[in-house]
Amino acid sequence: IFFFVFLFFSGCGDDDAGPSYDIYVYGDTNQQAAYWKNGELNYLTDGTKPSTTTGGVFSGGDFYVAGMVATGPDWRAVYWKNGVQETFSDATGNENVGGIAVVGTDVYISGYEFRDGTIFAKYWKNGTTVYLNDGSSMCGATDILVVGNDVHVIGFETIPNGPVLPRHWKNGVLVDMPITTPSAQYNDIEASGSDIYIVGYTINENSQYTPTYWKNGVETVLTSGTIASRIAFAGTDVYILAGSEGLYWKNQEVHNLPTDGLDYVAPMGIAVAGNEIFVAANNLNTATFARLGGYVWKNDVGVSPFLGNSPGEELKGIVIAMH
């Protein structure tokens, strides 16, 4: 018998209890893009075509979500601002969207395009495409960060007859990032002050995965787990979320999530507000990996309605918007 204590969305932002904020969770439910604000579900499409979300950010009082909508056999890049869809891509091939960043009125989205038998990494700034490779090798852009006048994009490159390598572009130019293993993958890029952090994993000669992060290009290996997927900051504290185990690291120290009673937990997002740590994850069927529902913890306490019991629901990330 498992006993759970559930935290319900009520009084988020009680000034007497701590910081004032709204909790945004984005994802999809039965292939329909959606987000939740303080637990209230908001669909982003009418559901007539498959759609999904891939990234989210709160900026200037507005909530932005990046994603894709199916158009026949292909997917098209879109984003939503406060639930209103913006279609900006003029691509002729299939597209995949990664992350989103907003600076003032400028909207940046990373992604890649399948065309002419190859893959082109790119990002959009206010709908204008910036390509990052010439198509001689297959590249993709999976996340984006803007710091001052610098645009950082992470992704991958598939070397012809060779390995898949992680890539970091700064203002369109490849950054030399020494990798100590045959292959690796970057999953998230964020800044803390003037420091640039990238999280992901390395793959050794025996195909073993090791969770890893890079601070200004310097590699640090994490203990436990296999994949590092997301990163968040609170003052000088660094929080890194695992990608395939129910845990996160705070300053490299492992913290296990309370996953008893759940099937298979796939963490998807982490956010910090003061002393409160929020983690979003998906509860999957161990045998089939069918989606059993999203789960959110606040300081290890389950947050309703995300209790892992809504089949078809898949969370992609979590954003805390301070008032």
Protein backbone atom coordinates (compact mmCIF):
# COMPACT_ATOMS: atom_id res chain seq x y z
CA ILE A 1 0.00 0.00 0.00
CA PHE A 2 1.38 3.40 -1.03
CA PHE A 3 0.38 6.63 0.63
CA PHE A 4 0.75 9.90 -1.30
CA VAL A 5 0.40 13.48 -0.11
CA PHE A 6 -0.96 15.63 -2.93
CA LEU A 7 -0.53 19.37 -3.28
CA PHE A 8 -3.43 21.08 -5.05
CA PHE A 9 -3.08 24.30 -7.07
CA SER A 10 -4.62 26.89 -4.81
CA GLY A 11 -3.20 30.14 -3.57
CA CYS A 12 -0.12 29.94 -5.80
CA GLY A 13 1.54 33.18 -5.00
CA ASP A 14 0.44 33.57 -1.38
CA ASP A 15 2.77 36.36 -0.28
CA ASP A 16 2.78 35.06 3.31
CA ALA A 17 3.92 31.62 2.15
CA GLY A 18 6.78 32.66 -0.12
CA PRO A 19 7.41 33.91 -3.64
CA SER A 20 4.49 34.83 -5.90
CA TYR A 21 4.40 32.84 -9.14
CA ASP A 22 2.39 30.98 -11.75
CA ILE A 23 3.22 27.43 -12.77
CA TYR A 24 3.15 26.67 -16.50
CA VAL A 25 3.46 23.10 -17.75
CA TYR A 26 3.51 22.39 -21.47
CA GLY A 27 3.09 19.13 -23.37
CA ASP A 28 0.33 17.36 -25.23
CA THR A 29 -2.60 15.10 -24.58
CA ASN A 30 -3.54 12.47 -27.15
CA GLN A 31 -1.40 14.21 -29.80
CA GLN A 32 -2.96 17.61 -29.17
CA ALA A 33 -0.60 20.39 -28.07
CA ALA A 34 -1.54 21.95 -24.75
CA TYR A 35 -0.35 23.82 -21.70
CA TRP A 36 -1.54 24.06 -18.13
CA LYS A 37 -1.49 27.26 -16.09
CA ASN A 38 -1.72 26.52 -12.37
CA GLY A 39 -3.29 23.19 -13.27
CA GLU A 40 -5.90 24.51 -15.72
CA LEU A 41 -5.71 22.82 -19.13
CA ASN A 42 -5.52 24.99 -22.27
CA TYR A 43 -5.47 23.35 -25.69
CA LEU A 44 -3.30 25.04 -28.31
CA THR A 45 -5.05 23.60 -31.38
CA ASP A 46 -8.53 22.42 -32.28
CA GLY A 47 -7.36 18.82 -32.40
CA THR A 48 -8.12 18.22 -36.09
CA LYS A 49 -4.41 17.66 -36.84
CA PRO A 50 -1.71 16.07 -34.68
CA SER A 51 0.39 18.64 -32.83
CA THR A 52 3.02 18.70 -30.13
CA THR A 53 5.09 21.09 -28.02
CA THR A 54 8.87 21.12 -27.62
CA GLY A 55 9.84 24.19 -25.58
CA GLY A 56 8.44 26.99 -23.48
CA VAL A 57 9.49 30.30 -21.97
CA PHE A 58 7.86 33.17 -20.05
CA SER A 59 9.03 36.63 -21.09
CA GLY A 60 7.67 40.14 -20.67
CA GLY A 61 4.40 38.95 -19.17
CA ASP A 62 3.73 36.52 -22.04
CA PHE A 63 3.98 32.74 -22.27
CA TYR A 64 5.53 31.31 -25.43
CA VAL A 65 5.42 27.66 -26.50
CA ALA A 66 7.30 26.21 -29.47
CA GLY A 67 6.10 23.14 -31.29
CA MET A 68 4.90 21.51 -34.48
CA VAL A 69 1.62 20.93 -36.30
CA ALA A 70 1.11 18.19 -38.88
CA THR A 71 0.37 19.26 -42.45
CA GLY A 72 -0.33 16.08 -44.38
CA PRO A 73 2.71 13.81 -44.08
CA ASP A 74 5.00 16.59 -42.85
CA TRP A 75 5.38 18.64 -39.69
CA ARG A 76 5.56 22.45 -39.68
CA ALA A 77 7.24 24.65 -37.10
CA VAL A 78 4.95 26.94 -35.11
CA TYR A 79 4.86 28.77 -31.84
CA TRP A 80 2.08 30.02 -29.65
CA LYS A 81 2.06 33.30 -27.73
CA ASN A 82 -0.48 33.23 -24.92
CA GLY A 83 -2.25 30.43 -26.76
CA VAL A 84 -2.41 32.14 -30.17
CA GLN A 85 -0.63 30.27 -32.96
CA GLU A 86 2.05 31.91 -35.11
CA THR A 87 3.06 30.06 -38.29
CA PHE A 88 6.32 31.38 -39.70
CA SER A 89 8.10 28.61 -41.62
CA ASP A 90 8.33 28.52 -45.42
CA ALA A 91 10.13 25.15 -45.51
CA THR A 92 9.31 22.62 -48.22
CA GLY A 93 10.44 19.55 -46.24
CA ASN A 94 9.58 17.96 -42.95
CA GLU A 95 10.62 19.96 -39.87
CA ASN A 96 11.51 19.29 -36.27
CA VAL A 97 11.46 22.03 -33.63
CA GLY A 98 13.71 22.26 -30.56
CA GLY A 99 13.87 25.12 -28.07
CA ILE A 100 12.65 28.71 -27.90
CA ALA A 101 14.17 31.91 -26.52
CA VAL A 102 12.63 35.38 -26.32
CA VAL A 103 14.55 38.64 -25.87
CA GLY A 104 12.40 41.74 -25.87
CA THR A 105 10.22 41.43 -28.97
CA ASP A 106 12.59 39.00 -30.72
CA VAL A 107 11.59 35.33 -30.87
CA TYR A 108 14.26 32.68 -31.55
CA ILE A 109 13.44 29.03 -32.27
CA SER A 110 15.84 26.18 -33.03
CA GLY A 111 15.11 23.22 -35.27
CA TYR A 112 16.03 21.29 -38.34
CA GLU A 113 14.66 20.49 -41.77
CA PHE A 114 14.65 17.22 -43.74
CA ARG A 115 15.23 18.06 -47.41
CA ASP A 116 17.10 16.75 -50.45
CA GLY A 117 18.18 13.58 -48.67
CA THR A 118 19.91 15.36 -45.80
CA ILE A 119 19.18 17.35 -42.63
CA PHE A 120 19.75 21.09 -42.22
CA ALA A 121 20.23 22.59 -38.76
CA LYS A 122 18.75 26.05 -38.42
CA TYR A 123 17.11 28.60 -36.23
CA TRP A 124 14.57 31.28 -36.84
CA LYS A 125 14.70 34.86 -35.60
CA ASN A 126 11.28 36.45 -35.94
CA GLY A 127 10.52 33.98 -38.73
CA THR A 128 13.73 34.55 -40.71
CA THR A 129 15.72 31.35 -41.23
CA VAL A 130 19.42 31.09 -40.38
CA TYR A 131 21.00 27.84 -41.62
CA LEU A 132 23.89 26.35 -39.64
CA ASN A 133 25.21 23.76 -42.12
CA ASP A 134 25.44 23.33 -45.89
CA GLY A 135 23.89 19.86 -46.07
CA SER A 136 27.12 17.97 -46.74
CA SER A 137 26.53 16.25 -43.40
CA MET A 138 23.31 15.82 -41.46
CA CYS A 139 22.88 18.36 -38.64
CA GLY A 140 20.09 19.29 -36.27
CA ALA A 141 19.54 22.16 -33.81
CA THR A 142 17.82 21.06 -30.61
CA ASP A 143 17.99 24.05 -28.24
CA ILE A 144 18.79 27.77 -28.29
CA LEU A 145 20.02 30.42 -25.86
CA VAL A 146 20.47 34.15 -26.38
CA VAL A 147 22.86 36.08 -24.13
CA GLY A 148 23.33 39.73 -25.01
CA ASN A 149 24.11 39.84 -28.72
CA ASP A 150 25.21 36.21 -28.86
CA VAL A 151 23.02 33.39 -30.15
CA HIS A 152 24.02 29.94 -28.89
CA VAL A 153 22.56 26.84 -30.53
CA ILE A 154 23.22 23.22 -29.60
CA GLY A 155 22.50 20.14 -31.66
CA PHE A 156 24.16 17.28 -33.49
CA GLU A 157 26.08 16.36 -36.62
CA THR A 158 26.09 12.94 -38.23
CA ILE A 159 29.50 12.43 -39.81
CA PRO A 160 29.30 10.47 -43.11
CA ASN A 161 30.38 6.90 -42.33
CA GLY A 162 31.18 8.07 -38.80
CA PRO A 163 29.66 8.86 -35.40
CA VAL A 164 27.00 11.30 -34.30
CA LEU A 165 28.73 14.22 -32.59
CA PRO A 166 27.34 17.02 -30.40
CA ARG A 167 27.54 20.53 -31.82
CA HIS A 168 27.51 24.03 -30.35
CA TRP A 169 27.22 27.05 -32.62
CA LYS A 170 27.79 30.61 -31.42
CA ASN A 171 26.50 33.22 -33.83
CA GLY A 172 26.51 30.60 -36.56
CA VAL A 173 30.11 29.48 -35.99
CA LEU A 174 31.02 26.08 -34.54
CA VAL A 175 32.52 26.26 -31.05
CA ASP A 176 35.39 23.87 -30.32
CA MET A 177 34.12 21.66 -27.49
CA PRO A 178 36.55 18.84 -26.66
CA ILE A 179 34.75 15.51 -26.27
CA THR A 180 36.63 12.75 -24.44
CA THR A 181 34.50 9.86 -25.77
CA PRO A 182 33.62 8.60 -29.28
CA SER A 183 30.19 10.20 -29.11
CA ALA A 184 28.00 12.43 -26.95
CA GLN A 185 24.75 14.36 -26.99
CA TYR A 186 23.78 17.84 -25.79
CA ASN A 187 20.25 18.21 -24.39
CA ASP A 188 19.97 21.67 -22.82
CA ILE A 189 21.86 24.97 -22.80
CA GLU A 190 21.38 27.71 -20.22
CA ALA A 191 23.32 30.65 -18.76
CA SER A 192 24.06 31.60 -15.18
CA GLY A 193 25.63 35.04 -15.14
CA SER A 194 28.44 34.97 -17.70
CA ASP A 195 28.78 31.17 -17.55
CA ILE A 196 27.34 28.91 -20.27
CA TYR A 197 26.22 25.45 -19.20
CA ILE A 198 25.38 22.54 -21.49
CA VAL A 199 24.00 19.25 -20.16
CA GLY A 200 23.80 15.87 -21.85
CA TYR A 201 25.71 12.63 -21.85
CA THR A 202 28.77 10.92 -23.28
CA ILE A 203 28.92 7.49 -24.93
CA ASN A 204 32.04 5.37 -24.56
CA GLU A 205 33.46 2.57 -26.75
CA ASN A 206 31.13 0.05 -25.06
CA SER A 207 28.03 2.18 -25.77
CA GLN A 208 27.70 3.07 -22.08
CA TYR A 209 26.01 6.40 -21.31
CA THR A 210 27.35 8.77 -18.65
CA PRO A 211 25.50 11.93 -17.50
CA THR A 212 27.70 14.96 -18.09
CA TYR A 213 27.65 18.73 -18.11
CA TRP A 214 29.97 21.30 -19.60
CA LYS A 215 30.58 24.70 -18.00
CA ASN A 216 32.23 27.07 -20.45
CA GLY A 217 33.45 24.01 -22.33
CA VAL A 218 34.92 22.19 -19.32
CA GLU A 219 33.49 18.70 -18.87
CA THR A 220 32.20 17.36 -15.54
CA VAL A 221 30.96 13.78 -15.15
CA LEU A 222 28.02 13.13 -12.83
CA THR A 223 27.55 10.04 -10.68
CA SER A 224 24.48 7.78 -10.97
CA GLY A 225 22.08 7.69 -13.87
CA THR A 226 22.79 7.68 -17.59
CA ILE A 227 21.54 10.96 -19.05
CA ALA A 228 21.45 14.61 -17.96
CA SER A 229 18.50 16.31 -19.64
CA ARG A 230 17.76 19.78 -18.16
CA ILE A 231 19.40 22.39 -15.95
CA ALA A 232 18.16 25.17 -13.64
CA PHE A 233 19.77 27.62 -11.24
CA ALA A 234 18.98 29.24 -7.90
CA GLY A 235 21.68 31.64 -6.78
CA THR A 236 24.90 29.64 -6.77
CA ASP A 237 23.09 26.29 -6.73
CA VAL A 238 23.01 24.21 -9.90
CA TYR A 239 20.20 21.70 -10.44
CA ILE A 240 20.52 19.10 -13.20
CA LEU A 241 17.71 16.72 -14.08
CA ALA A 242 18.26 13.12 -15.14
CA GLY A 243 16.65 11.97 -18.37
CA SER A 244 15.77 8.35 -17.75
CA GLU A 245 15.80 7.91 -13.96
CA GLY A 246 13.76 9.50 -11.20
CA LEU A 247 16.43 11.79 -9.82
CA TYR A 248 18.19 15.13 -10.09
CA TRP A 249 21.51 16.49 -8.91
CA LYS A 250 21.92 19.58 -6.74
CA ASN A 251 25.52 20.73 -6.96
CA GLN A 252 26.40 17.21 -8.15
CA GLU A 253 24.73 15.52 -5.15
CA VAL A 254 22.03 13.00 -6.07
CA HIS A 255 18.43 13.60 -4.97
CA ASN A 256 16.00 10.75 -5.65
CA LEU A 257 12.41 11.59 -6.52
CA PRO A 258 9.56 9.81 -4.66
CA THR A 259 8.63 7.41 -7.46
CA ASP A 260 7.23 4.51 -5.41
CA GLY A 261 3.99 3.27 -6.95
CA LEU A 262 4.78 4.65 -10.42
CA ASP A 263 5.69 2.42 -13.34
CA TYR A 264 8.58 4.03 -15.23
CA VAL A 265 9.42 7.68 -14.64
CA ALA A 266 10.83 9.81 -17.47
CA PRO A 267 11.80 13.27 -16.15
CA MET A 268 11.16 16.13 -18.59
CA GLY A 269 11.62 19.48 -16.82
CA ILE A 270 12.98 21.19 -13.72
CA ALA A 271 12.43 24.69 -12.38
CA VAL A 272 13.31 26.50 -9.17
CA ALA A 273 11.44 29.29 -7.34
CA GLY A 274 13.20 30.33 -4.16
CA ASN A 275 13.52 27.19 -2.04
CA GLU A 276 10.91 25.31 -4.06
CA ILE A 277 12.03 22.69 -6.56
CA PHE A 278 9.58 21.67 -9.29
CA VAL A 279 10.07 18.59 -11.44
CA ALA A 280 7.84 17.50 -14.33
CA ALA A 281 7.93 13.89 -15.54
CA ASN A 282 5.94 11.26 -17.39
CA ASN A 283 4.69 8.00 -15.96
CA LEU A 284 5.13 5.29 -18.61
CA ASN A 285 4.07 1.66 -18.79
CA THR A 286 7.20 -0.38 -18.08
CA ALA A 287 6.48 -2.98 -20.76
CA THR A 288 4.99 -0.90 -23.60
CA PHE A 289 6.10 2.66 -22.69
CA ALA A 290 2.50 3.77 -23.19
CA ARG A 291 1.82 7.15 -21.61
CA LEU A 292 0.01 6.75 -18.31
CA GLY A 293 0.03 10.45 -17.42
CA GLY A 294 2.20 13.36 -16.35
CA TYR A 295 3.55 13.89 -12.86
CA VAL A 296 4.74 17.08 -11.15
CA TRP A 297 6.48 17.32 -7.79
CA LYS A 298 7.01 20.42 -5.68
CA ASN A 299 9.67 19.63 -3.07
CA ASP A 300 8.83 15.93 -3.50
CA VAL A 301 5.08 16.43 -3.01
CA GLY A 302 2.75 15.50 -5.87
CA VAL A 303 0.95 18.43 -7.49
CA SER A 304 -2.64 17.86 -8.66
CA PRO A 305 -3.83 17.35 -11.37
CA PHE A 306 -0.48 15.84 -12.43
CA LEU A 307 -0.61 12.56 -10.55
CA GLY A 308 0.48 10.16 -13.28
CA ASN A 309 -3.00 8.80 -13.95
CA SER A 310 -4.18 10.58 -17.13
CA PRO A 311 -3.55 8.19 -20.07
CA GLY A 312 -2.40 9.89 -23.26
CA GLU A 313 -1.00 12.90 -21.39
CA GLU A 314 2.68 13.72 -21.98
CA LEU A 315 4.48 16.59 -20.26
CA LYS A 316 7.43 18.23 -22.04
CA GLY A 317 8.58 20.91 -19.59
CA ILE A 318 7.78 23.29 -16.75
CA VAL A 319 8.21 27.06 -16.40
CA ILE A 320 7.81 29.18 -13.26
CA ALA A 321 6.68 32.75 -13.94
CA MET A 322 7.39 35.09 -11.05
CA HIS A 323 4.94 37.94 -10.47
